[in-house]
Amino acid sequence: MTDPNEVDFAHTDAADRKRREKATELARYIWERAISGAELLDLPDAQLRKLAREASVNPPSTRETWTVVAEQLDEKSRWAAAHPGHPRATPAHADEKIMWVKRPIQPWS
């Protein structure tokens, strides 16, 4: 019998499955806003939590889930690039990206 103090509940098969399900739900929402995996991982934790709540998902407690989301976003972007004519290859809410990812302000010349 396994000692409950030695079990890593965060990395059981069930936890991995739930993490992937949450990541997929987040990735769907985020990809529709044209946010890349790299841009996502650059966001501060407070912004990530706000983004998750906006997607109607309980915010992940670790960066591990966000890393899975970023991988899924990159995978979807590669698929979209390979299928440019497909209706799902264009983010439906790309105009909302500016709400989450701000472009750096250019200094005056």
Protein backbone atom coordinates (compact mmCIF):
# COMPACT_ATOMS: atom_id res chain seq x y z
CA MET A 1 0.00 0.00 0.00
CA THR A 2 1.20 3.49 -0.85
CA ASP A 3 1.82 6.05 1.85
CA PRO A 4 -0.49 9.06 1.12
CA ASN A 5 2.33 11.39 2.17
CA GLU A 6 4.46 10.09 -0.71
CA VAL A 7 1.85 10.47 -3.47
CA ASP A 8 2.30 13.47 -5.77
CA PHE A 9 -1.36 14.24 -6.44
CA ALA A 10 -0.44 17.05 -8.85
CA HIS A 11 1.08 14.52 -11.26
CA THR A 12 -1.34 11.61 -11.22
CA ASP A 13 -2.97 10.44 -14.45
CA ALA A 14 -6.22 12.12 -13.40
CA ALA A 15 -4.46 15.43 -12.65
CA ASP A 16 -2.64 15.32 -16.00
CA ARG A 17 -5.94 14.67 -17.82
CA LYS A 18 -7.69 17.54 -16.00
CA ARG A 19 -4.72 19.85 -16.69
CA ARG A 20 -4.88 19.03 -20.42
CA GLU A 21 -8.68 19.58 -20.48
CA LYS A 22 -8.31 22.97 -18.80
CA ALA A 23 -5.43 23.87 -21.11
CA THR A 24 -7.49 22.97 -24.19
CA GLU A 25 -10.40 25.12 -23.02
CA LEU A 26 -8.06 28.04 -22.38
CA ALA A 27 -6.22 27.55 -25.68
CA ARG A 28 -9.47 27.69 -27.65
CA TYR A 29 -10.41 31.01 -26.08
CA ILE A 30 -6.92 32.49 -26.34
CA TRP A 31 -6.27 31.37 -29.93
CA GLU A 32 -9.47 33.10 -31.05
CA ARG A 33 -7.85 36.32 -29.78
CA ALA A 34 -4.72 35.75 -31.92
CA ILE A 35 -2.40 35.48 -28.91
CA SER A 36 0.68 33.33 -29.55
CA GLY A 37 2.22 30.88 -27.11
CA ALA A 38 5.22 33.15 -26.56
CA GLU A 39 3.01 36.20 -25.94
CA LEU A 40 0.94 34.20 -23.48
CA LEU A 41 3.96 33.08 -21.46
CA ASP A 42 5.20 36.69 -21.33
CA LEU A 43 2.03 37.85 -19.55
CA PRO A 44 2.27 38.45 -15.80
CA ASP A 45 0.43 36.07 -13.47
CA ALA A 46 -2.30 38.61 -12.65
CA GLN A 47 -3.06 39.05 -16.35
CA LEU A 48 -3.13 35.26 -16.86
CA ARG A 49 -5.63 34.86 -14.03
CA LYS A 50 -7.81 37.60 -15.51
CA LEU A 51 -7.61 35.96 -18.95
CA ALA A 52 -8.66 32.59 -17.52
CA ARG A 53 -11.62 34.14 -15.71
CA GLU A 54 -12.66 35.90 -18.93
CA ALA A 55 -12.57 32.48 -20.63
CA SER A 56 -14.87 31.17 -17.84
CA VAL A 57 -12.14 28.85 -16.60
CA ASN A 58 -10.88 28.57 -13.04
CA PRO A 59 -7.36 30.04 -13.25
CA PRO A 60 -4.62 27.40 -13.20
CA SER A 61 -2.59 27.38 -10.01
CA THR A 62 0.72 26.67 -11.75
CA ARG A 63 2.63 27.77 -14.83
CA GLU A 64 2.67 24.13 -15.89
CA THR A 65 -0.85 24.41 -17.29
CA TRP A 66 -0.01 27.67 -19.04
CA THR A 67 2.95 25.96 -20.71
CA VAL A 68 0.58 23.30 -22.07
CA VAL A 69 -1.72 26.08 -23.32
CA ALA A 70 1.21 27.75 -25.10
CA GLU A 71 2.16 24.46 -26.76
CA GLN A 72 -1.43 24.00 -27.95
CA LEU A 73 -1.52 27.56 -29.30
CA ASP A 74 1.68 26.96 -31.25
CA GLU A 75 0.30 23.68 -32.60
CA LYS A 76 -2.93 25.40 -33.73
CA SER A 77 -0.92 28.20 -35.36
CA ARG A 78 1.12 25.66 -37.35
CA TRP A 79 -2.10 23.95 -38.41
CA ALA A 80 -3.67 27.30 -39.42
CA ALA A 81 -0.59 28.19 -41.49
CA ALA A 82 -0.86 24.85 -43.31
CA HIS A 83 -4.63 25.33 -43.95
CA PRO A 84 -5.03 29.06 -44.71
CA GLY A 85 -8.36 28.65 -46.52
CA HIS A 86 -10.05 26.74 -43.72
CA PRO A 87 -12.65 28.78 -41.77
CA ARG A 88 -11.07 27.75 -38.43
CA ALA A 89 -7.64 29.01 -39.55
CA THR A 90 -8.48 32.64 -38.77
CA PRO A 91 -9.04 33.78 -35.18
CA ALA A 92 -12.59 35.12 -34.86
CA HIS A 93 -11.78 37.75 -32.23
CA ALA A 94 -8.29 38.90 -33.23
CA ASP A 95 -9.33 42.49 -32.57
CA GLU A 96 -9.50 41.66 -28.84
CA LYS A 97 -5.79 40.82 -28.70
CA ILE A 98 -4.95 44.41 -27.76
CA MET A 99 -6.94 43.93 -24.54
CA TRP A 100 -4.42 41.30 -23.42
CA VAL A 101 -1.16 41.89 -25.27
CA LYS A 102 -0.02 45.47 -25.50
CA ARG A 103 2.49 46.47 -28.13
CA PRO A 104 5.54 48.25 -26.77
CA ILE A 105 5.26 52.02 -27.02
CA GLN A 106 7.68 53.44 -29.55
CA PRO A 107 9.77 56.34 -28.22
CA TRP A 108 9.59 59.68 -29.98
CA SER A 109 12.38 60.26 -32.46
